[in-house]
Structures are given as C-alpha cells and as structure tokens.
C-alpha cells in the first residue's frame, strides 16, 4: 500500500466516523459539578478579577523602584553669532547689548529628565501594598463564593431534573391506570351491565383532567432542569446529555453536629474570609492615608540638555544660555505634596469605612450561626419527613390497588377509587419533592460552611 493510498484510507475512515451519530454523554452528580466548575464563565470572570487585583499589587510594588520623567521638544531660538562682549567679541570688558535686534532664528532641541528612586516614604508603599494584598484575598473569596454558588446551582438542576423525571414517570403510570379504569367504566355503561354509574365516569374523568395537568407540568420542569444542567456544565443546549442516577435518592445525612457546622462556617466560609481580608485592607489603607501626609525622601540623577545649531556656544561658568548648554547631577531630595485638609478628610473616610466593616463583621458573626442552624433544622425536618412520606406513599399505593380491585369486583364506588388515586399521587409526589428539598438542604449546608463538594 502506497503512502497516498494509506492517506486516502485514513481520511475516508475519519469521514465515516464523523458521520456516525454521537453517543449520549452520561454523567453523575460529581462529574456534573466538576464540569460546571470548569465551564462556568462567571468563575472565569472572577479569575480575571483576581488577576487584575494582582496587577494592582505589582503596580504598588513598582512605586518602590526607579522612575523616570523626561520632556523633549524641538523649537526655535534667536540666532546669535559671536561671544558675550560688545560686537560679539569673545573677550573684553563691556557686555554686548543687542536689544531687540534679531539676526535670524535657529533650531532649538531641548531635553530635561529626572531618574530617581524613593529611599523612604514613611510607610506609604508598604501600607498600600498590604491594602492591595488584602484586595487580592478579597477577590479570591469572591471567586470561592462564585464556585460554591455554581456547585449549588448544578446540584439544584441535577436533583430537580431527577425529581421532575421521577414525578413524570410516576404520573404517566397513574395516568395509564386511570385511563384503563375509565375505559372499563365506559364499556360497562355502554353495555348497561349495571355495575357502574354515570357519576362514576364523571368522578374518574375529573381526576384524569387534574392528573393530565400535573403530567404536563412535570414534563416542562424536567426539560427546563435538564436544559439548565446542559448550560451549567457547558455541554450546550443541543447536547445529548443524560444522568447516571436511575431515580432520586436521599443523600446521607451529615454526621457532623450543628456546633461543628457553625464553627466551620465562621472559619472557612468565603464571606468570613472576605471580611477578614477586607479588614486587613482597610486597616492598611488607613495607615497609608496617614502616611500620605508625610514627605518622600529620594535619590537620583537629574539633567538638562539644550542645543541650537545657529547659536555659538558660550563657555562661561557664570552665565547660562537657556538655548545652548546642559548639565547633569546626582541628587538627594525630599518631596512633599500634601493638602492638609484633604489628607485628613481621606484619613477620616478610610477610618469610617473600616468601622463600617467592623460592624458588618459583628453582624456576620452573629448571623452566620443562625443561618447554618436554620439550614440544619430544615435538613433534619425534611430527612425525617421524607422517611415518613415513603411509608405513607407505600400505604397509599396499597390503598389504591385495593380500591381498584374492589371497584373491579363491584364493591367500591368510582369516587372512592378517585380519592385513593388522588391521595397516592399527593403522597408520592410530595415524597419526591421532599427528597429533593432535603438534598438541597444538605447542599445548602455544604455551601454555608465553605466546602465545595
């Protein structure tokens, strides 16, 4: 087989594989969360915000290094021939007095520059650097919070889809049973066997109408939840995505006491870490604003250069020609640039913002344990509730089956069958909804304590 033949064969195989229908991707909850954390644009946005905060820190650190300022231009200067003395002589006793006489113009090139480095800033750079680092930690906390929100949203879509799917399957099964019963009643009425009444048909048809409504609603919620899962995981609305779980099941109840949950929340929750970072940043900012009232000590080199091609250079150490000449010198200096009233106002503003953040922390320290306790109590209630509802739904199913059997034997009326069916539907759907609520209560506990699972 030649190289060209092999190439054509591989290309044909590639085209054939590309033409085959794609396989449906099946994911479990953990995979869905990991995919969402990778794909969510909100997380990527927060990551870039963190990078921007790092850039601010680098900018602050850069203020401690060398800095240069320079200005250069080309202009015009008066033309001058000769020296400093009368009639342009280079030596003599009487300076020349040209008055307003203009012999011509000359090009003029000017350059002045300063290359300096701060030696001591009374803590300005250090305090602003601490504030910038606190801002980075604050943005990292926002990133963690966004990741936790994404994980929570994914769990809500995943469990919501399972709940809607199980509810739809259950209701469609009940719909089939009810339709069979209605068909049997209609045949009995048509054949006038006397074992069914017209009111029985009306009762069952009423139940069918109500059941059909819930079937349509569950289908809509199922689609919406699956589409939401596709969007969150980055698969796209057109993707063929399915979940691994066959039915919704209650997750394990956390084996951690409430006090431990509350302690973890106060220590690890992103909002608390953001508050601590914000407090560090505000304290550093107050110190920086106070340091702004002090001067900067610096050292460096400053110089100036002027050149005019149509002006003779004047070599006199006591006389400076602003259009022709230059100089360079090392310097050590003090620069003070402060408006006392404005500087004090800025200090007061930074101090007020720090105090506001302290009060916010006090509220968080008091409120977060309550919030965790609320989620824990709801989880406990729904955990016990779904177990009781499971038993109630099983009993309601036995009641419905018995009622259908008695109705078939002519021992039960249709309204009793409809009542049994209605109670079974309510018990089973309420059980599924409570399992979903309980699972989300546990997910909320994870979210409130700063964990990411």
Protein backbone atom coordinates (compact mmCIF):
# COMPACT_ATOMS: atom_id res chain seq x y z
CA UNK A 1 0.00 0.00 0.00
CA UNK A 2 1.47 3.32 -1.05
CA UNK A 3 1.59 6.37 1.18
CA UNK A 4 -1.13 8.16 -0.82
CA UNK A 5 -3.42 5.12 -0.63
CA UNK A 6 -2.92 4.91 3.14
CA UNK A 7 -3.70 8.63 3.47
CA UNK A 8 -6.92 8.30 1.48
CA UNK A 9 -7.96 5.29 3.56
CA UNK A 10 -7.43 7.16 6.84
CA UNK A 11 -9.32 10.19 5.54
CA UNK A 12 -12.25 8.02 4.48
CA UNK A 13 -12.31 6.36 7.90
CA UNK A 14 -12.30 9.79 9.55
CA UNK A 15 -15.23 10.94 7.42
CA UNK A 16 -17.13 7.75 8.27
CA UNK A 17 -16.55 8.17 11.99
CA UNK A 18 -17.60 11.81 11.83
CA UNK A 19 -20.82 10.83 10.11
CA UNK A 20 -21.81 8.35 12.83
CA UNK A 21 -24.37 9.63 15.36
CA UNK A 22 -22.85 10.94 18.58
CA UNK A 23 -23.10 8.98 21.79
CA UNK A 24 -25.17 10.38 24.63
CA UNK A 25 -22.96 11.59 27.47
CA UNK A 26 -23.97 10.18 30.84
CA UNK A 27 -22.73 11.97 33.95
CA UNK A 28 -23.21 11.62 37.68
CA UNK A 29 -23.56 14.46 40.14
CA UNK A 30 -19.86 14.79 40.92
CA UNK A 31 -18.98 14.88 37.24
CA UNK A 32 -21.68 17.49 36.64
CA UNK A 33 -20.25 19.70 39.39
CA UNK A 34 -16.69 19.35 38.06
CA UNK A 35 -17.82 20.16 34.52
CA UNK A 36 -19.70 23.24 35.74
CA UNK A 37 -16.72 24.48 37.74
CA UNK A 38 -14.62 24.20 34.58
CA UNK A 39 -17.13 25.71 32.17
CA UNK A 40 -18.89 28.47 34.12
CA UNK A 41 -18.00 31.89 32.61
CA UNK A 42 -18.77 33.55 35.94
CA UNK A 43 -15.86 31.68 37.50
CA UNK A 44 -13.57 32.65 34.64
CA UNK A 45 -14.65 36.26 35.10
CA UNK A 46 -13.78 36.12 38.80
CA UNK A 47 -10.40 34.58 37.99
CA UNK A 48 -9.60 37.55 35.78
CA UNK A 49 -10.74 39.92 38.54
CA UNK A 50 -8.20 38.23 40.83
CA UNK A 51 -5.53 38.70 38.17
CA UNK A 52 -6.45 42.38 37.93
CA UNK A 53 -6.07 42.69 41.71
CA UNK A 54 -2.62 41.09 41.45
CA UNK A 55 -1.78 43.72 38.84
CA UNK A 56 -2.65 46.45 41.35
CA UNK A 57 -0.22 44.89 43.85
CA UNK A 58 2.53 44.79 41.23
CA UNK A 59 1.82 48.43 40.46
CA UNK A 60 2.20 49.36 44.13
CA UNK A 61 5.46 47.43 44.39
CA UNK A 62 6.69 49.14 41.26
CA UNK A 63 6.46 52.51 43.01
CA UNK A 64 9.44 51.48 45.16
CA UNK A 65 11.70 51.15 42.11
CA UNK A 66 13.36 53.58 39.76
CA UNK A 67 11.16 56.08 37.99
CA UNK A 68 11.97 58.40 35.13
CA UNK A 69 10.40 61.61 33.92
CA UNK A 70 11.55 63.29 30.73
CA UNK A 71 10.48 66.01 28.34
CA UNK A 72 11.93 66.64 24.88
CA UNK A 73 10.91 69.01 22.13
CA UNK A 74 12.20 70.88 19.07
CA UNK A 75 11.51 74.60 18.77
CA UNK A 76 13.00 77.90 17.63
CA UNK A 77 15.56 80.16 19.31
CA UNK A 78 17.16 83.52 18.33
CA UNK A 79 20.28 83.16 16.20
CA UNK A 80 23.45 84.56 17.79
CA UNK A 81 26.95 84.86 16.32
CA UNK A 82 29.99 85.68 18.37
CA UNK A 83 30.76 85.93 22.05
CA UNK A 84 29.43 87.68 25.12
CA UNK A 85 31.16 91.06 24.82
CA UNK A 86 30.50 94.14 22.74
CA UNK A 87 30.35 93.49 18.98
CA UNK A 88 30.37 89.75 19.59
CA UNK A 89 33.94 89.63 20.86
CA UNK A 90 34.90 86.63 22.91
CA UNK A 91 36.84 88.74 25.39
CA UNK A 92 36.52 92.29 26.60
CA UNK A 93 35.11 94.41 29.42
CA UNK A 94 31.66 95.54 28.21
CA UNK A 95 28.82 93.04 27.63
CA UNK A 96 27.06 93.22 24.31
CA UNK A 97 23.64 94.88 24.12
CA UNK A 98 21.79 93.68 21.01
CA UNK A 99 18.43 94.91 22.30
CA UNK A 100 15.55 93.79 20.06
CA UNK A 101 17.82 93.14 17.14
CA UNK A 102 17.14 89.72 15.57
CA UNK A 103 19.83 88.32 13.31
CA UNK A 104 17.80 85.24 12.48
CA UNK A 105 16.40 82.11 14.05
CA UNK A 106 17.91 78.77 14.96
CA UNK A 107 16.52 75.34 15.58
CA UNK A 108 16.38 74.52 19.28
CA UNK A 109 16.43 70.97 20.73
CA UNK A 110 15.55 70.65 24.40
CA UNK A 111 15.68 67.66 26.78
CA UNK A 112 15.20 67.56 30.54
CA UNK A 113 14.96 64.37 32.58
CA UNK A 114 15.00 63.00 36.11
CA UNK A 115 15.86 59.45 37.16
CA UNK A 116 15.04 58.96 40.83
CA UNK A 117 14.35 56.22 43.35
CA UNK A 118 12.42 56.55 46.62
CA UNK A 119 14.59 55.96 49.68
CA UNK A 120 11.99 56.38 52.41
CA UNK A 121 8.25 57.03 52.12
CA UNK A 122 7.16 56.80 55.77
CA UNK A 123 5.35 53.50 55.02
CA UNK A 124 3.27 54.61 52.05
CA UNK A 125 4.39 51.82 49.70
CA UNK A 126 4.27 49.14 52.41
CA UNK A 127 0.79 50.09 53.61
CA UNK A 128 -0.63 50.43 50.11
CA UNK A 129 0.96 47.05 49.31
CA UNK A 130 -0.80 45.48 52.30
CA UNK A 131 -4.08 47.02 51.15
CA UNK A 132 -3.55 45.64 47.64
CA UNK A 133 -2.79 42.17 49.04
CA UNK A 134 -5.95 42.34 51.13
CA UNK A 135 -7.88 43.22 47.98
CA UNK A 136 -6.42 40.13 46.27
CA UNK A 137 -7.58 37.95 49.16
CA UNK A 138 -10.97 39.62 48.97
CA UNK A 139 -11.28 38.81 45.27
CA UNK A 140 -10.17 35.25 45.94
CA UNK A 141 -13.00 34.98 48.44
CA UNK A 142 -15.42 36.19 45.79
CA UNK A 143 -14.03 33.54 43.44
CA UNK A 144 -14.58 30.83 46.07
CA UNK A 145 -18.09 32.10 46.66
CA UNK A 146 -18.84 32.00 42.94
CA UNK A 147 -17.52 28.43 42.72
CA UNK A 148 -19.71 27.43 45.67
CA UNK A 149 -22.73 29.07 44.01
CA UNK A 150 -22.02 27.23 40.77
CA UNK A 151 -21.78 23.88 42.57
CA UNK A 152 -25.05 24.62 44.37
CA UNK A 153 -26.82 25.62 41.14
CA UNK A 154 -25.60 22.42 39.48
CA UNK A 155 -26.93 20.29 42.32
CA UNK A 156 -30.25 22.09 42.14
CA UNK A 157 -30.52 21.43 38.39
CA UNK A 158 -29.40 17.80 38.80
CA UNK A 159 -31.75 16.94 41.67
CA UNK A 160 -34.52 19.00 40.11
CA UNK A 161 -34.23 17.00 36.90
CA UNK A 162 -34.33 13.67 38.78
CA UNK A 163 -37.35 14.81 40.77
CA UNK A 164 -39.23 16.01 37.69
CA UNK A 165 -38.34 12.87 35.73
CA UNK A 166 -39.43 10.52 38.52
CA UNK A 167 -42.61 12.53 39.03
CA UNK A 168 -43.39 12.45 35.31
CA UNK A 169 -42.82 8.67 35.06
CA UNK A 170 -44.98 8.08 38.13
CA UNK A 171 -47.78 10.32 36.91
CA UNK A 172 -47.75 8.76 33.44
CA UNK A 173 -48.10 5.34 35.07
CA UNK A 174 -51.01 6.61 37.14
CA UNK A 175 -52.47 8.17 34.01
CA UNK A 176 -52.37 4.77 32.29
CA UNK A 177 -54.07 3.07 35.24
CA UNK A 178 -56.75 5.73 35.37
CA UNK A 179 -57.40 5.52 31.63
CA UNK A 180 -57.83 1.76 31.91
CA UNK A 181 -60.36 2.24 34.71
CA UNK A 182 -62.25 4.87 32.70
CA UNK A 183 -62.34 2.55 29.67
CA UNK A 184 -63.77 -0.20 31.85
CA UNK A 185 -66.48 2.13 33.24
CA UNK A 186 -67.36 3.38 29.75
CA UNK A 187 -67.76 -0.20 28.49
CA UNK A 188 -69.92 -1.05 31.47
CA UNK A 189 -72.18 1.94 30.85
CA UNK A 190 -72.38 1.20 27.16
CA UNK A 191 -73.28 -2.44 27.76
CA UNK A 192 -75.65 -1.42 30.60
CA UNK A 193 -74.33 -4.12 32.90
CA UNK A 194 -75.33 -2.07 35.95
CA UNK A 195 -72.01 -2.36 37.79
CA UNK A 196 -71.11 1.31 37.12
CA UNK A 197 -72.89 4.64 37.29
CA UNK A 198 -72.59 7.76 35.18
CA UNK A 199 -71.38 9.64 38.25
CA UNK A 200 -68.52 7.15 38.49
CA UNK A 201 -67.39 8.14 35.00
CA UNK A 202 -67.59 11.83 35.82
CA UNK A 203 -65.53 11.36 39.01
CA UNK A 204 -62.81 9.46 37.14
CA UNK A 205 -62.77 11.92 34.24
CA UNK A 206 -62.35 14.79 36.71
CA UNK A 207 -59.38 13.00 38.23
CA UNK A 208 -57.95 12.40 34.74
CA UNK A 209 -58.10 16.10 33.90
CA UNK A 210 -56.30 17.08 37.08
CA UNK A 211 -53.69 14.36 36.57
CA UNK A 212 -53.05 15.42 32.99
CA UNK A 213 -52.27 18.94 34.17
CA UNK A 214 -49.58 17.68 36.56
CA UNK A 215 -48.12 15.44 33.86
CA UNK A 216 -47.65 18.42 31.54
CA UNK A 217 -46.13 20.48 34.35
CA UNK A 218 -43.67 17.74 35.29
CA UNK A 219 -42.58 17.38 31.65
CA UNK A 220 -41.90 21.10 31.45
CA UNK A 221 -39.90 21.11 34.70
CA UNK A 222 -37.97 18.06 33.52
CA UNK A 223 -36.96 19.78 30.29
CA UNK A 224 -36.10 23.06 31.99
CA UNK A 225 -33.95 21.32 34.60
CA UNK A 226 -32.08 19.26 32.01
CA UNK A 227 -31.50 22.32 29.84
CA UNK A 228 -30.21 24.17 32.87
CA UNK A 229 -27.83 21.30 33.59
CA UNK A 230 -26.60 21.40 30.00
CA UNK A 231 -25.91 25.12 30.23
CA UNK A 232 -24.15 24.88 33.60
CA UNK A 233 -21.90 22.00 32.55
CA UNK A 234 -21.00 23.70 29.29
CA UNK A 235 -22.41 20.86 27.20
CA UNK A 236 -24.75 23.20 25.33
CA UNK A 237 -28.49 23.05 24.77
CA UNK A 238 -28.09 20.83 21.69
CA UNK A 239 -26.04 18.21 23.56
CA UNK A 240 -27.40 14.72 24.18
CA UNK A 241 -26.89 14.64 27.94
CA UNK A 242 -28.24 12.11 30.44
CA UNK A 243 -27.69 11.49 34.14
CA UNK A 244 -26.38 8.30 35.70
CA UNK A 245 -28.87 8.06 38.58
CA UNK A 246 -31.89 5.88 37.86
CA UNK A 247 -34.02 7.72 40.42
CA UNK A 248 -33.69 10.40 43.03
CA UNK A 249 -32.48 9.13 46.38
CA UNK A 250 -31.94 10.98 49.65
CA UNK A 251 -28.27 11.70 50.27
CA UNK A 252 -26.69 10.61 53.53
CA UNK A 253 -27.45 12.83 56.48
CA UNK A 254 -24.30 14.70 57.59
CA UNK A 255 -22.55 13.04 60.51
CA UNK A 256 -21.44 16.40 61.88
CA UNK A 257 -23.06 18.15 64.81
CA UNK A 258 -24.62 21.59 64.36
CA UNK A 259 -21.97 23.27 66.52
CA UNK A 260 -19.22 21.91 64.27
CA UNK A 261 -21.06 23.16 61.18
CA UNK A 262 -21.33 26.61 62.73
CA UNK A 263 -17.67 26.65 63.70
CA UNK A 264 -16.60 25.67 60.19
CA UNK A 265 -18.81 28.33 58.68
CA UNK A 266 -17.25 31.06 60.85
CA UNK A 267 -13.78 29.89 59.89
CA UNK A 268 -13.96 28.64 56.30
CA UNK A 269 -16.92 30.37 54.71
CA UNK A 270 -15.82 32.63 51.82
CA UNK A 271 -17.76 35.58 53.19
CA UNK A 272 -15.88 35.41 56.50
CA UNK A 273 -12.55 35.20 54.70
CA UNK A 274 -13.62 38.16 52.58
CA UNK A 275 -14.42 40.13 55.73
CA UNK A 276 -11.03 39.34 57.25
CA UNK A 277 -9.29 40.30 54.01
CA UNK A 278 -11.36 43.48 53.79
CA UNK A 279 -10.48 44.42 57.36
CA UNK A 280 -6.77 43.93 56.68
CA UNK A 281 -7.05 46.03 53.55
CA UNK A 282 -8.96 48.81 55.34
CA UNK A 283 -6.51 48.93 58.25
CA UNK A 284 -3.61 49.17 55.82
CA UNK A 285 -5.44 51.84 53.85
CA UNK A 286 -5.98 53.95 56.98
CA UNK A 287 -2.25 53.73 57.73
CA UNK A 288 -1.43 54.58 54.10
CA UNK A 289 -3.67 57.65 54.15
CA UNK A 290 -1.92 58.84 57.29
CA UNK A 291 1.45 58.27 55.64
CA UNK A 292 0.31 60.35 52.65
CA UNK A 293 0.67 63.41 54.85
CA UNK A 294 4.40 62.81 55.12
CA UNK A 295 7.11 63.61 52.52
CA UNK A 296 9.11 61.21 50.34
CA UNK A 297 12.90 61.03 50.55
CA UNK A 298 14.53 60.16 47.25
CA UNK A 299 17.84 60.00 45.38
CA UNK A 300 18.65 60.02 41.71
CA UNK A 301 20.04 61.89 38.76
CA UNK A 302 18.57 64.93 37.03
CA UNK A 303 19.82 66.68 33.92
CA UNK A 304 19.04 69.03 31.08
CA UNK A 305 20.30 69.45 27.52
CA UNK A 306 19.72 72.35 25.09
CA UNK A 307 21.19 72.68 21.62
CA UNK A 308 20.74 75.42 19.00
CA UNK A 309 22.80 74.92 15.84
CA UNK A 310 22.79 78.63 14.90
CA UNK A 311 23.96 79.92 18.28
CA UNK A 312 27.64 79.95 19.18
CA UNK A 313 28.31 78.15 22.42
CA UNK A 314 29.18 80.40 25.34
CA UNK A 315 31.83 78.80 27.56
CA UNK A 316 31.37 80.80 30.74
CA UNK A 317 30.77 79.05 34.08
CA UNK A 318 28.90 82.06 35.46
CA UNK A 319 26.49 82.57 32.60
CA UNK A 320 23.89 80.09 31.41
CA UNK A 321 22.47 80.12 27.90
CA UNK A 322 18.98 78.65 28.14
CA UNK A 323 19.09 77.72 24.43
CA UNK A 324 22.54 76.13 24.31
CA UNK A 325 24.11 74.06 27.07
CA UNK A 326 23.26 71.45 29.63
CA UNK A 327 24.11 69.78 32.89
CA UNK A 328 23.83 66.54 34.89
CA UNK A 329 23.97 65.99 38.65
CA UNK A 330 23.17 63.33 41.27
CA UNK A 331 20.63 64.49 43.84
CA UNK A 332 19.18 63.57 47.20
CA UNK A 333 15.94 65.31 47.97
CA UNK A 334 12.66 65.48 49.84
CA UNK A 335 9.33 65.83 48.04
CA UNK A 336 6.28 66.88 49.93
CA UNK A 337 2.93 67.02 48.16
CA UNK A 338 0.06 67.18 50.61
CA UNK A 339 -3.06 69.27 51.10
CA UNK A 340 -3.58 69.01 54.84
CA UNK A 341 -7.34 69.38 54.86
CA UNK A 342 -7.80 66.88 52.04
CA UNK A 343 -5.34 64.39 53.56
CA UNK A 344 -7.14 64.49 56.91
CA UNK A 345 -10.50 64.04 55.20
CA UNK A 346 -9.18 60.98 53.37
CA UNK A 347 -7.93 59.52 56.65
CA UNK A 348 -11.35 60.08 58.25
CA UNK A 349 -13.07 58.49 55.25
CA UNK A 350 -10.84 55.40 55.38
CA UNK A 351 -11.37 55.14 59.15
CA UNK A 352 -15.16 55.33 58.74
CA UNK A 353 -15.10 52.59 56.10
CA UNK A 354 -13.02 50.44 58.44
CA UNK A 355 -15.51 50.93 61.27
CA UNK A 356 -18.41 50.08 58.93
CA UNK A 357 -16.67 46.83 58.01
CA UNK A 358 -16.14 46.04 61.70
CA UNK A 359 -19.87 46.39 62.30
CA UNK A 360 -20.55 44.18 59.26
CA UNK A 361 -18.26 41.52 60.70
CA UNK A 362 -20.09 41.68 64.03
CA UNK A 363 -23.38 41.09 62.24
CA UNK A 364 -21.88 38.19 60.26
CA UNK A 365 -20.50 36.57 63.42
CA UNK A 366 -23.99 36.69 64.89
CA UNK A 367 -25.95 35.90 61.73
CA UNK A 368 -23.95 33.08 60.14
CA UNK A 369 -24.50 30.57 63.01
CA UNK A 370 -28.24 31.32 62.80
CA UNK A 371 -28.21 30.80 59.04
CA UNK A 372 -26.39 27.48 59.42
CA UNK A 373 -28.75 26.45 62.22
CA UNK A 374 -31.75 27.23 60.01
CA UNK A 375 -30.39 25.07 57.17
CA UNK A 376 -29.54 22.27 59.61
CA UNK A 377 -33.04 22.32 61.13
CA UNK A 378 -34.63 22.23 57.67
CA UNK A 379 -32.40 19.31 56.68
CA UNK A 380 -33.39 17.39 59.80
CA UNK A 381 -37.08 18.10 59.25
CA UNK A 382 -37.03 17.04 55.60
CA UNK A 383 -34.88 14.00 56.36
CA UNK A 384 -37.46 12.71 58.84
CA UNK A 385 -40.30 13.91 56.62
CA UNK A 386 -39.18 12.00 53.54
CA UNK A 387 -38.87 8.78 55.58
CA UNK A 388 -42.40 9.17 56.91
CA UNK A 389 -43.69 10.09 53.46
CA UNK A 390 -42.07 6.99 51.97
CA UNK A 391 -44.10 4.85 54.32
CA UNK A 392 -47.20 6.94 53.68
CA UNK A 393 -46.79 6.66 49.90
CA UNK A 394 -46.39 2.87 50.19
CA UNK A 395 -49.60 2.69 52.22
CA UNK A 396 -51.39 4.95 49.72
CA UNK A 397 -50.31 2.67 46.89
CA UNK A 398 -51.76 -0.36 48.72
CA UNK A 399 -54.95 1.64 49.32
CA UNK A 400 -55.19 2.47 45.59
CA UNK A 401 -54.55 -1.11 44.49
CA UNK A 402 -57.17 -2.40 46.93
CA UNK A 403 -59.68 0.22 45.78
CA UNK A 404 -59.14 -0.70 42.13
CA UNK A 405 -59.63 -4.38 42.96
CA UNK A 406 -62.80 -3.64 44.93
CA UNK A 407 -64.08 -1.42 42.12
CA UNK A 408 -63.49 -4.16 39.58
CA UNK A 409 -65.46 -6.53 41.82
CA UNK A 410 -68.29 -4.02 42.13
CA UNK A 411 -67.63 -3.50 45.85
CA UNK A 412 -66.32 0.09 45.64
CA UNK A 413 -67.58 3.30 44.02
CA UNK A 414 -65.55 5.29 41.49
CA UNK A 415 -65.32 8.34 43.72
CA UNK A 416 -63.59 6.19 46.34
CA UNK A 417 -61.15 4.97 43.68
CA UNK A 418 -60.51 8.53 42.56
CA UNK A 419 -59.97 9.55 46.17
CA UNK A 420 -57.47 6.72 46.68
CA UNK A 421 -55.66 7.63 43.48
CA UNK A 422 -55.56 11.31 44.42
CA UNK A 423 -54.09 10.57 47.83
CA UNK A 424 -51.50 8.24 46.34
CA UNK A 425 -50.50 10.87 43.81
CA UNK A 426 -50.24 13.52 46.51
CA UNK A 427 -48.24 11.28 48.85
CA UNK A 428 -45.81 10.06 46.18
CA UNK A 429 -45.22 13.47 44.57
CA UNK A 430 -44.83 15.08 47.98
CA UNK A 431 -42.30 12.37 48.86
CA UNK A 432 -40.27 13.10 45.73
CA UNK A 433 -40.42 16.83 46.34
CA UNK A 434 -39.36 16.39 49.98
CA UNK A 435 -36.39 14.23 48.95
CA UNK A 436 -35.35 16.99 46.56
CA UNK A 437 -35.78 19.62 49.30
CA UNK A 438 -33.75 17.52 51.73
CA UNK A 439 -30.93 17.00 49.23
CA UNK A 440 -30.83 20.74 48.60
CA UNK A 441 -30.82 21.40 52.36
CA UNK A 442 -27.66 19.30 52.62
CA UNK A 443 -26.21 21.11 49.61
CA UNK A 444 -27.01 24.41 51.31
CA UNK A 445 -25.19 23.25 54.46
CA UNK A 446 -22.14 22.46 52.36
CA UNK A 447 -22.38 25.85 50.72
CA UNK A 448 -22.82 27.74 54.01
CA UNK A 449 -19.80 26.08 55.61
CA UNK A 450 -17.48 26.96 52.74
CA UNK A 451 -17.00 23.43 51.46
CA UNK A 452 -17.04 22.55 47.77
CA UNK A 453 -18.29 19.02 47.08
